[in-house]
Every structure is written in C-alpha cells, then in structure tokens.
PDB file of N, CA and C in Angstrom:
ATOM      1  N   MET A   1      32.985  60.594  57.611  1.00  0.00           N
ATOM      2  CA  MET A   1      33.838  59.792  58.461  1.00  0.00           C
ATOM      3  C   MET A   1      33.075  58.557  58.931  1.00  0.00           C
ATOM      4  N   ARG A   2      33.680  57.398  58.792  1.00  0.00           N
ATOM      5  CA  ARG A   2      33.041  56.152  59.204  1.00  0.00           C
ATOM      6  C   ARG A   2      33.280  55.907  60.684  1.00  0.00           C
ATOM      7  N   SER A   3      32.320  55.257  61.294  1.00  0.00           N
ATOM      8  CA  SER A   3      32.467  54.920  62.708  1.00  0.00           C
ATOM      9  C   SER A   3      33.351  53.681  62.857  1.00  0.00           C
ATOM     10  N   ILE A   4      33.832  53.479  64.063  1.00  0.00           N
ATOM     11  CA  ILE A   4      34.654  52.304  64.348  1.00  0.00           C
ATOM     12  C   ILE A   4      33.828  51.037  64.167  1.00  0.00           C
ATOM     13  N   ALA A   5      32.556  51.077  64.587  1.00  0.00           N
ATOM     14  CA  ALA A   5      31.692  49.897  64.455  1.00  0.00           C
ATOM     15  C   ALA A   5      31.521  49.522  62.989  1.00  0.00           C
ATOM     16  N   PHE A   6      31.356  50.500  62.118  1.00  0.00           N
ATOM     17  CA  PHE A   6      31.188  50.208  60.695  1.00  0.00           C
ATOM     18  C   PHE A   6      32.483  49.647  60.115  1.00  0.00           C
ATOM     19  N   ALA A   7      33.609  50.178  60.541  1.00  0.00           N
ATOM     20  CA  ALA A   7      34.904  49.657  60.076  1.00  0.00           C
ATOM     21  C   ALA A   7      35.077  48.208  60.525  1.00  0.00           C
ATOM     22  N   ASP A   8      34.695  47.913  61.767  1.00  0.00           N
ATOM     23  CA  ASP A   8      34.764  46.530  62.250  1.00  0.00           C
ATOM     24  C   ASP A   8      33.846  45.623  61.441  1.00  0.00           C
ATOM     25  N   PHE A   9      32.663  46.119  61.104  1.00  0.00           N
ATOM     26  CA  PHE A   9      31.729  45.342  60.291  1.00  0.00           C
ATOM     27  C   PHE A   9      32.341  45.027  58.927  1.00  0.00           C
ATOM     28  N   LEU A  10      32.948  46.019  58.298  1.00  0.00           N
ATOM     29  CA  LEU A  10      33.570  45.805  56.990  1.00  0.00           C
ATOM     30  C   LEU A  10      34.740  44.820  57.088  1.00  0.00           C
ATOM     31  N   ILE A  11      35.489  44.863  58.169  1.00  0.00           N
ATOM     32  CA  ILE A  11      36.579  43.910  58.365  1.00  0.00           C
ATOM     33  C   ILE A  11      36.015  42.503  58.500  1.00  0.00           C
ATOM     34  N   GLY A  12      34.910  42.366  59.225  1.00  0.00           N
ATOM     35  CA  GLY A  12      34.271  41.065  59.366  1.00  0.00           C
ATOM     36  C   GLY A  12      33.795  40.507  58.036  1.00  0.00           C
ATOM     37  N   VAL A  13      33.182  41.354  57.217  1.00  0.00           N
ATOM     38  CA  VAL A  13      32.722  40.924  55.897  1.00  0.00           C
ATOM     39  C   VAL A  13      33.914  40.540  55.028  1.00  0.00           C
ATOM     40  N   ALA A  14      34.978  41.321  55.104  1.00  0.00           N
ATOM     41  CA  ALA A  14      36.179  41.014  54.319  1.00  0.00           C
ATOM     42  C   ALA A  14      36.771  39.669  54.737  1.00  0.00           C
ATOM     43  N   LEU A  15      36.819  39.397  56.037  1.00  0.00           N
ATOM     44  CA  LEU A  15      37.334  38.114  56.504  1.00  0.00           C
ATOM     45  C   LEU A  15      36.453  36.960  56.035  1.00  0.00           C
ATOM     46  N   LEU A  16      35.159  37.174  55.996  1.00  0.00           N
ATOM     47  CA  LEU A  16      34.250  36.155  55.478  1.00  0.00           C
ATOM     48  C   LEU A  16      34.603  35.817  54.033  1.00  0.00           C
ATOM     49  N   PHE A  17      34.832  36.838  53.205  1.00  0.00           N
ATOM     50  CA  PHE A  17      35.211  36.610  51.812  1.00  0.00           C
ATOM     51  C   PHE A  17      36.558  35.889  51.714  1.00  0.00           C
ATOM     52  N   VAL A  18      37.503  36.263  52.568  1.00  0.00           N
ATOM     53  CA  VAL A  18      38.824  35.625  52.548  1.00  0.00           C
ATOM     54  C   VAL A  18      38.704  34.138  52.866  1.00  0.00           C
ATOM     55  N   PHE A  19      38.009  33.809  53.963  1.00  0.00           N
ATOM     56  CA  PHE A  19      37.883  32.397  54.359  1.00  0.00           C
ATOM     57  C   PHE A  19      37.098  31.592  53.339  1.00  0.00           C
ATOM     58  N   GLU A  20      36.026  32.169  52.829  1.00  0.00           N
ATOM     59  CA  GLU A  20      35.242  31.456  51.821  1.00  0.00           C
ATOM     60  C   GLU A  20      36.066  31.238  50.555  1.00  0.00           C
ATOM     61  N   GLY A  21      36.774  32.252  50.137  1.00  0.00           N
ATOM     62  CA  GLY A  21      37.618  32.127  48.950  1.00  0.00           C
ATOM     63  C   GLY A  21      38.710  31.090  49.130  1.00  0.00           C
ATOM     64  N   LEU A  22      39.311  31.050  50.319  1.00  0.00           N
ATOM     65  CA  LEU A  22      40.347  30.049  50.581  1.00  0.00           C
ATOM     66  C   LEU A  22      39.776  28.639  50.553  1.00  0.00           C
ATOM     67  N   MET A  23      38.568  28.458  51.076  1.00  0.00           N
ATOM     68  CA  MET A  23      37.963  27.118  51.056  1.00  0.00           C
ATOM     69  C   MET A  23      37.681  26.672  49.624  1.00  0.00           C
ATOM     70  N   PHE A  24      37.167  27.580  48.792  1.00  0.00           N
ATOM     71  CA  PHE A  24      36.915  27.222  47.390  1.00  0.00           C
ATOM     72  C   PHE A  24      38.218  26.964  46.646  1.00  0.00           C
ATOM     73  N   ALA A  25      39.252  27.742  46.943  1.00  0.00           N
ATOM     74  CA  ALA A  25      40.539  27.556  46.262  1.00  0.00           C
ATOM     75  C   ALA A  25      41.221  26.270  46.703  1.00  0.00           C
ATOM     76  N   ALA A  26      41.129  25.944  47.987  1.00  0.00           N
ATOM     77  CA  ALA A  26      41.820  24.764  48.510  1.00  0.00           C
ATOM     78  C   ALA A  26      41.143  23.469  48.092  1.00  0.00           C
ATOM     79  N   SER A  27      39.818  23.458  48.065  1.00  0.00           N
ATOM     80  CA  SER A  27      39.124  22.202  47.776  1.00  0.00           C
ATOM     81  C   SER A  27      37.758  22.470  47.137  1.00  0.00           C
ATOM     82  N   PRO A  28      37.753  22.762  45.843  1.00  0.00           N
ATOM     83  CA  PRO A  28      36.477  23.036  45.186  1.00  0.00           C
ATOM     84  C   PRO A  28      35.521  21.844  45.206  1.00  0.00           C
ATOM     85  N   ALA A  29      36.056  20.632  45.120  1.00  0.00           N
ATOM     86  CA  ALA A  29      35.182  19.446  45.140  1.00  0.00           C
ATOM     87  C   ALA A  29      34.489  19.312  46.489  1.00  0.00           C
ATOM     88  N   TRP A  30      35.216  19.553  47.578  1.00  0.00           N
ATOM     89  CA  TRP A  30      34.619  19.474  48.906  1.00  0.00           C
ATOM     90  C   TRP A  30      33.528  20.531  49.078  1.00  0.00           C
ATOM     91  N   MET A  31      33.796  21.749  48.592  1.00  0.00           N
ATOM     92  CA  MET A  31      32.791  22.820  48.694  1.00  0.00           C
ATOM     93  C   MET A  31      31.546  22.470  47.870  1.00  0.00           C
ATOM     94  N   ARG A  32      31.735  21.858  46.718  1.00  0.00           N
ATOM     95  CA  ARG A  32      30.597  21.450  45.891  1.00  0.00           C
ATOM     96  C   ARG A  32      29.750  20.416  46.630  1.00  0.00           C
ATOM     97  N   ARG A  33      30.422  19.447  47.276  1.00  0.00           N
ATOM     98  CA  ARG A  33      29.692  18.433  48.060  1.00  0.00           C
ATOM     99  C   ARG A  33      28.974  19.074  49.243  1.00  0.00           C
ATOM    100  N   ALA A  34      29.619  20.040  49.878  1.00  0.00           N
ATOM    101  CA  ALA A  34      29.004  20.720  51.022  1.00  0.00           C
ATOM    102  C   ALA A  34      27.752  21.479  50.590  1.00  0.00           C
ATOM    103  N   MET A  35      27.799  22.118  49.421  1.00  0.00           N
ATOM    104  CA  MET A  35      26.625  22.847  48.926  1.00  0.00           C
ATOM    105  C   MET A  35      25.495  21.883  48.563  1.00  0.00           C
ATOM    106  N   LYS A  36      25.845  20.736  47.962  1.00  0.00           N
ATOM    107  CA  LYS A  36      24.818  19.731  47.655  1.00  0.00           C
ATOM    108  C   LYS A  36      24.185  19.207  48.938  1.00  0.00           C
ATOM    109  N   SER A  37      25.001  19.009  49.959  1.00  0.00           N
ATOM    110  CA  SER A  37      24.491  18.540  51.241  1.00  0.00           C
ATOM    111  C   SER A  37      23.554  19.576  51.860  1.00  0.00           C
ATOM    112  N   ALA A  38      23.903  20.847  51.746  1.00  0.00           N
ATOM    113  CA  ALA A  38      23.043  21.906  52.281  1.00  0.00           C
ATOM    114  C   ALA A  38      21.711  21.944  51.546  1.00  0.00           C
ATOM    115  N   LEU A  39      21.730  21.704  50.240  1.00  0.00           N
ATOM    116  CA  LEU A  39      20.479  21.681  49.474  1.00  0.00           C
ATOM    117  C   LEU A  39      19.568  20.540  49.913  1.00  0.00           C
ATOM    118  N   ALA A  40      20.159  19.434  50.354  1.00  0.00           N
ATOM    119  CA  ALA A  40      19.373  18.273  50.763  1.00  0.00           C
ATOM    120  C   ALA A  40      18.917  18.352  52.223  1.00  0.00           C
ATOM    121  N   THR A  41      19.447  19.304  52.981  1.00  0.00           N
ATOM    122  CA  THR A  41      19.103  19.431  54.397  1.00  0.00           C
ATOM    123  C   THR A  41      17.784  20.176  54.550  1.00  0.00           C
ATOM    124  N   PRO A  42      16.901  19.715  55.434  1.00  0.00           N
ATOM    125  CA  PRO A  42      15.621  20.398  55.639  1.00  0.00           C
ATOM    126  C   PRO A  42      15.806  21.832  56.149  1.00  0.00           C
ATOM    127  N   ASP A  43      14.848  22.677  55.794  1.00  0.00           N
ATOM    128  CA  ASP A  43      14.923  24.096  56.165  1.00  0.00           C
ATOM    129  C   ASP A  43      15.033  24.309  57.666  1.00  0.00           C
ATOM    130  N   ASN A  44      14.281  23.538  58.462  1.00  0.00           N
ATOM    131  CA  ASN A  44      14.312  23.764  59.907  1.00  0.00           C
ATOM    132  C   ASN A  44      15.698  23.474  60.498  1.00  0.00           C
ATOM    133  N   ILE A  45      16.404  22.494  59.963  1.00  0.00           N
ATOM    134  CA  ILE A  45      17.765  22.194  60.443  1.00  0.00           C
ATOM    135  C   ILE A  45      18.715  23.332  60.057  1.00  0.00           C
ATOM    136  N   LEU A  46      18.624  23.797  58.820  1.00  0.00           N
ATOM    137  CA  LEU A  46      19.467  24.917  58.390  1.00  0.00           C
ATOM    138  C   LEU A  46      19.189  26.164  59.226  1.00  0.00           C
ATOM    139  N   ARG A  47      17.920  26.392  59.541  1.00  0.00           N
ATOM    140  CA  ARG A  47      17.539  27.557  60.342  1.00  0.00           C
ATOM    141  C   ARG A  47      18.150  27.461  61.739  1.00  0.00           C
ATOM    142  N   ILE A  48      18.067  26.278  62.362  1.00  0.00           N
ATOM    143  CA  ILE A  48      18.626  26.091  63.707  1.00  0.00           C
ATOM    144  C   ILE A  48      20.142  26.290  63.688  1.00  0.00           C
ATOM    145  N   VAL A  49      20.807  25.700  62.692  1.00  0.00           N
ATOM    146  CA  VAL A  49      22.264  25.860  62.581  1.00  0.00           C
ATOM    147  C   VAL A  49      22.624  27.340  62.383  1.00  0.00           C
ATOM    148  N   GLY A  50      21.847  28.045  61.574  1.00  0.00           N
ATOM    149  CA  GLY A  50      22.103  29.462  61.353  1.00  0.00           C
ATOM    150  C   GLY A  50      21.934  30.293  62.613  1.00  0.00           C
ATOM    151  N   ILE A  51      20.887  30.022  63.374  1.00  0.00           N
ATOM    152  CA  ILE A  51      20.653  30.767  64.620  1.00  0.00           C
ATOM    153  C   ILE A  51      21.756  30.478  65.633  1.00  0.00           C
ATOM    154  N   VAL A  52      22.125  29.207  65.774  1.00  0.00           N
ATOM    155  CA  VAL A  52      23.192  28.847  66.718  1.00  0.00           C
ATOM    156  C   VAL A  52      24.509  29.509  66.299  1.00  0.00           C
ATOM    157  N   SER A  53      24.813  29.502  65.009  1.00  0.00           N
ATOM    158  CA  SER A  53      26.041  30.138  64.525  1.00  0.00           C
ATOM    159  C   SER A  53      26.036  31.640  64.811  1.00  0.00           C
ATOM    160  N   ALA A  54      24.906  32.282  64.591  1.00  0.00           N
ATOM    161  CA  ALA A  54      24.803  33.721  64.854  1.00  0.00           C
ATOM    162  C   ALA A  54      24.989  34.024  66.333  1.00  0.00           C
ATOM    163  N   VAL A  55      24.382  33.230  67.198  1.00  0.00           N
ATOM    164  CA  VAL A  55      24.515  33.450  68.647  1.00  0.00           C
ATOM    165  C   VAL A  55      25.957  33.226  69.093  1.00  0.00           C
ATOM    166  N   VAL A  56      26.584  32.168  68.599  1.00  0.00           N
ATOM    167  CA  VAL A  56      27.988  31.907  68.955  1.00  0.00           C
ATOM    168  C   VAL A  56      28.865  33.060  68.474  1.00  0.00           C
ATOM    169  N   GLY A  57      28.620  33.558  67.267  1.00  0.00           N
ATOM    170  CA  GLY A  57      29.390  34.694  66.756  1.00  0.00           C
ATOM    171  C   GLY A  57      29.208  35.943  67.597  1.00  0.00           C
ATOM    172  N   LEU A  58      27.969  36.228  67.991  1.00  0.00           N
ATOM    173  CA  LEU A  58      27.720  37.397  68.836  1.00  0.00           C
ATOM    174  C   LEU A  58      28.386  37.249  70.198  1.00  0.00           C
ATOM    175  N   LEU A  59      28.327  36.055  70.782  1.00  0.00           N
ATOM    176  CA  LEU A  59      28.989  35.832  72.066  1.00  0.00           C
ATOM    177  C   LEU A  59      30.503  36.001  71.940  1.00  0.00           C
ATOM    178  N   LEU A  60      31.072  35.498  70.850  1.00  0.00           N
ATOM    179  CA  LEU A  60      32.505  35.653  70.630  1.00  0.00           C
ATOM    180  C   LEU A  60      32.887  37.125  70.514  1.00  0.00           C
ATOM    181  N   ILE A  61      32.107  37.897  69.769  1.00  0.00           N
ATOM    182  CA  ILE A  61      32.361  39.337  69.658  1.00  0.00           C
ATOM    183  C   ILE A  61      32.258  40.000  71.020  1.00  0.00           C
ATOM    184  N   TRP A  62      31.235  39.627  71.790  1.00  0.00           N
ATOM    185  CA  TRP A  62      31.035  40.211  73.097  1.00  0.00           C
ATOM    186  C   TRP A  62      32.227  39.930  74.021  1.00  0.00           C
ATOM    187  N   PHE A  63      32.712  38.664  74.002  1.00  0.00           N
ATOM    188  CA  PHE A  63      33.865  38.330  74.849  1.00  0.00           C
ATOM    189  C   PHE A  63      35.123  39.057  74.408  1.00  0.00           C
ATOM    190  N   VAL A  64      35.337  39.197  73.120  1.00  0.00           N
ATOM    191  CA  VAL A  64      36.527  39.882  72.615  1.00  0.00           C
ATOM    192  C   VAL A  64      36.481  41.365  72.944  1.00  0.00           C
ATOM    193  N   ARG A  65      35.300  41.969  72.835  1.00  0.00           N
ATOM    194  CA  ARG A  65      35.164  43.417  73.081  1.00  0.00           C
ATOM    195  C   ARG A  65      35.146  43.771  74.551  1.00  0.00           C
ATOM    196  N   ARG A  66      34.935  42.795  75.426  1.00  0.00           N
ATOM    197  CA  ARG A  66      34.870  43.061  76.862  1.00  0.00           C
ATOM    198  C   ARG A  66      36.190  43.456  77.434  1.00  0.00           C
TER     199      ARG A  66
END
C-alpha cells in the first residue's frame, strides 16, 4: 500500500510531465531557444534559479497543506 505522501509525489511528477509536454507541443521552437539559452547561462546563475524555484515550490506546498 502506498502512502498519501508518495501518491502526492507521483501526482507532482505527472503534472511536471504534462506541463513540459504541453510546452513542447505548443511551441517547439520556443523550447529549443530556451534550452539554448540555458546552455549559455553560467552555472552559478542556474544554481541560484534552481534553489529559488525549489524554495518557492516548497513554500507553495506548505501553504496549500496548511
């Protein structure tokens, strides 16, 4: 039997795939440009953006679960 937390995690991963798939389907050229831009961005900037995104996501989960 899976826990509720694991089910929520799987739903989150599934939503990630849905949104990513929709972005590629809606505008493949834009996604290609975005990936090229990410390749040209320095590692420290990508790291900061990733940490900020993770913190915002955790705060959003915390507010929703409260």
